[in-house]
Amino acid sequence: MILKAVMNLKMKKKLVYLLFLVGFIGVAQINPVSIATDTTTIRIGEQIQFKIAVTGKNNIIFPNLELDSLGKVELVEALPIDTLKDRLEKKYLLTSFDSGQYVIPRQQVLINNAKYV
């Protein structure tokens, strides 16, 4: 009788751990937005490509690019959206005519009215 009660307790404990683990896996969210540049350094007047890629094709609104607060990085051209097999890509050509280190802030993409950064 006692052995049976101990076995039931162990099974219940394993079941609780399993449900706890499954709960964490279900809550995890994959970010469908990726942002990349073709290089991290540029020479004065040189252009770089800044790319925002979104997995899926449902109701996506790409941002109006917000650049550094000092205005040292300039938008040369916003290229049309590329439609690939399972994603959309928006490319921007950027340049700078001043030396220094500048950070492009996070860009916000809307997918089905949900904000992704």
N, C-alpha and C. Protein backbone atom coordinates (compact mmCIF):
# COMPACT_ATOMS: atom_id res chain seq x y z
N MET A 1 0.82 -1.19 0.00
CA MET A 1 0.00 0.00 0.00
C MET A 1 0.87 1.26 0.00
N ILE A 2 1.87 1.29 0.85
CA ILE A 2 2.75 2.46 0.94
C ILE A 2 3.55 2.61 -0.35
N LEU A 3 3.99 1.50 -0.91
CA LEU A 3 4.75 1.52 -2.17
C LEU A 3 3.90 2.10 -3.30
N LYS A 4 2.63 1.74 -3.34
CA LYS A 4 1.72 2.24 -4.36
C LYS A 4 1.52 3.76 -4.21
N ALA A 5 1.41 4.26 -3.00
CA ALA A 5 1.24 5.69 -2.73
C ALA A 5 2.48 6.46 -3.16
N VAL A 6 3.67 5.89 -2.90
CA VAL A 6 4.93 6.54 -3.28
C VAL A 6 5.04 6.61 -4.80
N MET A 7 4.65 5.54 -5.50
CA MET A 7 4.68 5.52 -6.96
C MET A 7 3.72 6.56 -7.54
N ASN A 8 2.52 6.68 -6.96
CA ASN A 8 1.56 7.69 -7.41
C ASN A 8 2.12 9.10 -7.22
N LEU A 9 2.78 9.33 -6.11
CA LEU A 9 3.37 10.63 -5.84
C LEU A 9 4.46 10.96 -6.85
N LYS A 10 5.30 9.99 -7.18
CA LYS A 10 6.36 10.20 -8.17
C LYS A 10 5.77 10.49 -9.55
N MET A 11 4.73 9.77 -9.92
CA MET A 11 4.08 10.01 -11.22
C MET A 11 3.46 11.40 -11.27
N LYS A 12 2.82 11.81 -10.19
CA LYS A 12 2.22 13.15 -10.14
C LYS A 12 3.30 14.22 -10.24
N LYS A 13 4.42 13.99 -9.58
CA LYS A 13 5.52 14.95 -9.63
C LYS A 13 6.07 15.09 -11.05
N LYS A 14 6.24 13.94 -11.75
CA LYS A 14 6.71 13.97 -13.13
C LYS A 14 5.72 14.68 -14.04
N LEU A 15 4.43 14.46 -13.80
CA LEU A 15 3.40 15.11 -14.59
C LEU A 15 3.42 16.63 -14.41
N VAL A 16 3.63 17.09 -13.17
CA VAL A 16 3.71 18.52 -12.90
C VAL A 16 4.92 19.14 -13.62
N TYR A 17 6.07 18.46 -13.56
CA TYR A 17 7.26 18.96 -14.25
C TYR A 17 7.03 19.03 -15.76
N LEU A 18 6.40 18.01 -16.31
CA LEU A 18 6.13 17.97 -17.74
C LEU A 18 5.21 19.11 -18.15
N LEU A 19 4.14 19.34 -17.41
CA LEU A 19 3.23 20.44 -17.72
C LEU A 19 3.91 21.80 -17.58
N PHE A 20 4.77 21.93 -16.59
CA PHE A 20 5.51 23.17 -16.39
C PHE A 20 6.42 23.46 -17.58
N LEU A 21 7.12 22.42 -18.07
CA LEU A 21 8.01 22.55 -19.21
C LEU A 21 7.23 22.90 -20.48
N VAL A 22 6.13 22.23 -20.72
CA VAL A 22 5.31 22.49 -21.90
C VAL A 22 4.76 23.92 -21.85
N GLY A 23 4.42 24.40 -20.69
CA GLY A 23 3.93 25.78 -20.55
C GLY A 23 4.97 26.80 -21.00
N PHE A 24 6.24 26.58 -20.65
CA PHE A 24 7.28 27.51 -21.08
C PHE A 24 7.51 27.45 -22.58
N ILE A 25 7.44 26.28 -23.15
CA ILE A 25 7.64 26.14 -24.59
C ILE A 25 6.52 26.84 -25.34
N GLY A 26 5.30 26.74 -24.85
CA GLY A 26 4.16 27.37 -25.51
C GLY A 26 4.18 28.88 -25.44
N VAL A 27 4.80 29.45 -24.42
CA VAL A 27 4.84 30.90 -24.24
C VAL A 27 5.91 31.54 -25.11
N ALA A 28 6.95 30.81 -25.47
CA ALA A 28 8.04 31.36 -26.26
C ALA A 28 7.52 31.88 -27.60
N GLN A 29 8.00 33.05 -27.99
CA GLN A 29 7.55 33.68 -29.22
C GLN A 29 8.75 33.93 -30.12
N ILE A 30 8.60 33.58 -31.38
CA ILE A 30 9.66 33.78 -32.35
C ILE A 30 9.45 35.13 -33.01
N ASN A 31 10.50 35.95 -33.07
CA ASN A 31 10.40 37.26 -33.69
C ASN A 31 10.53 37.10 -35.21
N PRO A 32 9.50 37.49 -35.97
CA PRO A 32 9.55 37.32 -37.42
C PRO A 32 10.35 38.40 -38.14
N VAL A 33 10.90 39.38 -37.39
CA VAL A 33 11.61 40.50 -37.99
C VAL A 33 13.11 40.35 -37.75
N SER A 34 13.91 40.51 -38.82
CA SER A 34 15.36 40.53 -38.67
C SER A 34 15.90 41.77 -39.37
N ILE A 35 16.93 42.36 -38.77
CA ILE A 35 17.52 43.58 -39.29
C ILE A 35 19.02 43.34 -39.46
N ALA A 36 19.56 43.78 -40.61
CA ALA A 36 20.98 43.56 -40.88
C ALA A 36 21.53 44.68 -41.76
N THR A 37 22.85 44.85 -41.70
CA THR A 37 23.55 45.75 -42.61
C THR A 37 24.62 44.93 -43.33
N ASP A 38 25.05 45.42 -44.49
CA ASP A 38 26.07 44.70 -45.22
C ASP A 38 27.46 44.94 -44.65
N THR A 39 27.61 45.95 -43.82
CA THR A 39 28.89 46.23 -43.15
C THR A 39 28.62 47.03 -41.88
N THR A 40 29.57 47.05 -40.97
CA THR A 40 29.40 47.84 -39.75
C THR A 40 30.22 49.12 -39.77
N THR A 41 31.07 49.27 -40.77
CA THR A 41 31.86 50.51 -40.90
C THR A 41 31.78 51.00 -42.33
N ILE A 42 31.83 52.32 -42.48
CA ILE A 42 31.83 52.90 -43.83
C ILE A 42 32.84 54.04 -43.87
N ARG A 43 33.32 54.31 -45.05
CA ARG A 43 34.17 55.48 -45.26
C ARG A 43 33.28 56.69 -45.51
N ILE A 44 33.81 57.87 -45.34
CA ILE A 44 33.04 59.10 -45.55
C ILE A 44 32.51 59.13 -46.98
N GLY A 45 31.19 59.28 -47.11
CA GLY A 45 30.55 59.35 -48.42
C GLY A 45 30.20 58.01 -49.03
N GLU A 46 30.66 56.92 -48.43
CA GLU A 46 30.36 55.59 -48.94
C GLU A 46 28.93 55.19 -48.54
N GLN A 47 28.32 54.27 -49.29
CA GLN A 47 26.96 53.83 -48.98
C GLN A 47 26.96 52.44 -48.37
N ILE A 48 26.03 52.22 -47.46
CA ILE A 48 25.80 50.88 -46.92
C ILE A 48 24.34 50.52 -47.15
N GLN A 49 24.08 49.23 -47.07
CA GLN A 49 22.72 48.74 -47.25
C GLN A 49 22.18 48.29 -45.89
N PHE A 50 21.03 48.83 -45.51
CA PHE A 50 20.34 48.49 -44.27
C PHE A 50 19.09 47.72 -44.67
N LYS A 51 18.92 46.48 -44.16
CA LYS A 51 17.84 45.62 -44.63
C LYS A 51 16.97 45.17 -43.46
N ILE A 52 15.65 45.26 -43.66
CA ILE A 52 14.67 44.73 -42.71
C ILE A 52 13.93 43.61 -43.43
N ALA A 53 14.00 42.40 -42.87
CA ALA A 53 13.33 41.24 -43.46
C ALA A 53 12.25 40.75 -42.51
N VAL A 54 11.09 40.41 -43.07
CA VAL A 54 9.96 39.92 -42.27
C VAL A 54 9.51 38.58 -42.83
N THR A 55 9.44 37.58 -41.95
CA THR A 55 8.95 36.27 -42.36
C THR A 55 7.43 36.33 -42.41
N GLY A 56 6.87 35.83 -43.50
CA GLY A 56 5.42 35.87 -43.70
C GLY A 56 5.06 37.04 -44.60
N LYS A 57 3.80 37.05 -45.04
CA LYS A 57 3.39 38.11 -45.97
C LYS A 57 2.03 38.70 -45.60
N ASN A 58 1.67 38.67 -44.34
CA ASN A 58 0.34 39.12 -43.93
C ASN A 58 0.35 40.52 -43.35
N ASN A 59 -0.22 41.49 -44.04
CA ASN A 59 -0.47 42.83 -43.52
C ASN A 59 0.74 43.43 -42.81
N ILE A 60 1.82 43.65 -43.56
CA ILE A 60 3.08 44.17 -42.99
C ILE A 60 3.25 45.62 -43.38
N ILE A 61 3.59 46.45 -42.39
CA ILE A 61 3.88 47.86 -42.63
C ILE A 61 5.32 48.12 -42.19
N PHE A 62 6.18 48.44 -43.16
CA PHE A 62 7.58 48.74 -42.86
C PHE A 62 7.68 50.17 -42.34
N PRO A 63 8.69 50.47 -41.52
CA PRO A 63 8.80 51.79 -40.92
C PRO A 63 9.33 52.85 -41.88
N ASN A 64 8.99 54.10 -41.59
CA ASN A 64 9.72 55.22 -42.18
C ASN A 64 11.01 55.26 -41.37
N LEU A 65 12.11 55.06 -42.03
CA LEU A 65 13.38 54.87 -41.34
C LEU A 65 13.72 56.06 -40.46
N GLU A 66 13.97 55.80 -39.17
CA GLU A 66 14.41 56.82 -38.22
C GLU A 66 15.91 56.64 -38.02
N LEU A 67 16.67 57.66 -38.37
CA LEU A 67 18.12 57.55 -38.28
C LEU A 67 18.64 58.19 -37.00
N ASP A 68 19.95 58.34 -36.88
CA ASP A 68 20.55 58.88 -35.67
C ASP A 68 20.00 60.26 -35.34
N SER A 69 19.99 60.60 -34.06
CA SER A 69 19.40 61.85 -33.60
C SER A 69 20.19 63.09 -34.03
N LEU A 70 21.45 62.93 -34.39
CA LEU A 70 22.28 64.06 -34.78
C LEU A 70 22.17 64.39 -36.27
N GLY A 71 21.53 63.53 -37.03
CA GLY A 71 21.38 63.76 -38.47
C GLY A 71 22.65 63.54 -39.26
N LYS A 72 23.59 62.78 -38.73
CA LYS A 72 24.86 62.54 -39.42
C LYS A 72 24.76 61.39 -40.42
N VAL A 73 23.81 60.48 -40.21
CA VAL A 73 23.56 59.39 -41.16
C VAL A 73 22.38 59.80 -42.02
N GLU A 74 22.56 59.70 -43.34
CA GLU A 74 21.52 60.16 -44.26
C GLU A 74 20.95 59.01 -45.07
N LEU A 75 19.66 59.11 -45.38
CA LEU A 75 19.00 58.14 -46.23
C LEU A 75 19.21 58.56 -47.68
N VAL A 76 19.86 57.70 -48.47
CA VAL A 76 20.10 57.98 -49.88
C VAL A 76 18.88 57.55 -50.70
N GLU A 77 18.42 56.32 -50.43
CA GLU A 77 17.31 55.79 -51.20
C GLU A 77 16.63 54.66 -50.42
N ALA A 78 15.31 54.63 -50.49
CA ALA A 78 14.54 53.51 -49.95
C ALA A 78 14.11 52.66 -51.14
N LEU A 79 14.68 51.49 -51.25
CA LEU A 79 14.40 50.61 -52.38
C LEU A 79 13.03 49.95 -52.23
N PRO A 80 12.43 49.50 -53.33
CA PRO A 80 11.12 48.84 -53.23
C PRO A 80 11.20 47.55 -52.42
N ILE A 81 10.08 47.10 -51.93
CA ILE A 81 10.02 45.87 -51.14
C ILE A 81 10.23 44.67 -52.05
N ASP A 82 11.16 43.80 -51.65
CA ASP A 82 11.41 42.56 -52.38
C ASP A 82 10.50 41.47 -51.83
N THR A 83 9.80 40.78 -52.72
CA THR A 83 8.94 39.66 -52.33
C THR A 83 9.69 38.38 -52.61
N LEU A 84 10.07 37.69 -51.54
CA LEU A 84 10.79 36.43 -51.68
C LEU A 84 9.84 35.28 -51.36
N LYS A 85 10.34 34.06 -51.38
CA LYS A 85 9.50 32.87 -51.21
C LYS A 85 8.62 32.93 -49.96
N ASP A 86 9.21 33.15 -48.81
CA ASP A 86 8.44 33.13 -47.56
C ASP A 86 8.64 34.39 -46.72
N ARG A 87 9.16 35.45 -47.33
CA ARG A 87 9.39 36.68 -46.56
C ARG A 87 9.42 37.90 -47.48
N LEU A 88 9.36 39.06 -46.83
CA LEU A 88 9.46 40.35 -47.52
C LEU A 88 10.70 41.05 -47.00
N GLU A 89 11.40 41.76 -47.90
CA GLU A 89 12.59 42.52 -47.51
C GLU A 89 12.48 43.96 -47.98
N LYS A 90 12.80 44.88 -47.11
CA LYS A 90 12.86 46.30 -47.44
C LYS A 90 14.30 46.73 -47.24
N LYS A 91 14.90 47.31 -48.29
CA LYS A 91 16.29 47.73 -48.22
C LYS A 91 16.39 49.24 -48.32
N TYR A 92 17.33 49.80 -47.56
CA TYR A 92 17.59 51.23 -47.55
C TYR A 92 19.08 51.44 -47.81
N LEU A 93 19.41 52.45 -48.60
CA LEU A 93 20.81 52.83 -48.79
C LEU A 93 21.09 54.03 -47.90
N LEU A 94 22.12 53.91 -47.07
CA LEU A 94 22.48 54.96 -46.12
C LEU A 94 23.91 55.43 -46.38
N THR A 95 24.19 56.67 -45.99
CA THR A 95 25.54 57.19 -46.11
C THR A 95 25.80 58.18 -44.97
N SER A 96 27.05 58.55 -44.82
CA SER A 96 27.43 59.56 -43.84
C SER A 96 28.62 60.35 -44.39
N PHE A 97 28.61 61.66 -44.16
CA PHE A 97 29.69 62.52 -44.63
C PHE A 97 30.50 63.10 -43.47
N ASP A 98 30.37 62.48 -42.31
CA ASP A 98 31.08 62.95 -41.13
C ASP A 98 31.67 61.74 -40.41
N SER A 99 32.85 61.89 -39.85
CA SER A 99 33.45 60.77 -39.13
C SER A 99 32.84 60.67 -37.74
N GLY A 100 32.90 59.50 -37.18
CA GLY A 100 32.37 59.28 -35.84
C GLY A 100 31.65 57.94 -35.76
N GLN A 101 31.10 57.69 -34.60
CA GLN A 101 30.35 56.46 -34.38
C GLN A 101 28.90 56.83 -34.18
N TYR A 102 28.01 56.22 -34.96
CA TYR A 102 26.59 56.53 -34.90
C TYR A 102 25.80 55.24 -34.76
N VAL A 103 24.74 55.30 -34.00
CA VAL A 103 23.88 54.14 -33.78
C VAL A 103 22.53 54.41 -34.42
N ILE A 104 22.09 53.49 -35.27
CA ILE A 104 20.76 53.59 -35.85
C ILE A 104 19.78 52.99 -34.85
N PRO A 105 18.78 53.75 -34.43
CA PRO A 105 17.87 53.22 -33.41
C PRO A 105 17.05 52.04 -33.93
N ARG A 106 16.46 51.30 -33.01
CA ARG A 106 15.61 50.17 -33.38
C ARG A 106 14.44 50.67 -34.23
N GLN A 107 14.10 49.91 -35.23
CA GLN A 107 13.01 50.26 -36.13
C GLN A 107 11.80 49.39 -35.79
N GLN A 108 10.63 49.97 -35.87
CA GLN A 108 9.40 49.29 -35.50
C GLN A 108 8.62 48.86 -36.75
N VAL A 109 8.31 47.58 -36.85
CA VAL A 109 7.56 47.03 -37.97
C VAL A 109 6.20 46.58 -37.44
N LEU A 110 5.13 46.89 -38.18
CA LEU A 110 3.79 46.45 -37.80
C LEU A 110 3.41 45.22 -38.63
N ILE A 111 3.01 44.15 -37.94
CA ILE A 111 2.54 42.95 -38.61
C ILE A 111 1.18 42.62 -38.00
N ASN A 112 0.14 42.72 -38.81
CA ASN A 112 -1.24 42.51 -38.34
C ASN A 112 -1.54 43.37 -37.12
N ASN A 113 -1.13 44.63 -37.17
CA ASN A 113 -1.32 45.63 -36.12
C ASN A 113 -0.58 45.32 -34.83
N ALA A 114 0.35 44.38 -34.83
CA ALA A 114 1.20 44.10 -33.67
C ALA A 114 2.57 44.71 -33.95
N LYS A 115 3.16 45.32 -32.93
CA LYS A 115 4.45 46.00 -33.09
C LYS A 115 5.60 45.03 -32.81
N TYR A 116 6.56 45.01 -33.73
CA TYR A 116 7.78 44.21 -33.58
C TYR A 116 8.97 45.12 -33.76
N VAL A 117 10.03 44.88 -32.96
CA VAL A 117 11.23 45.70 -33.02
C VAL A 117 12.40 44.80 -33.33
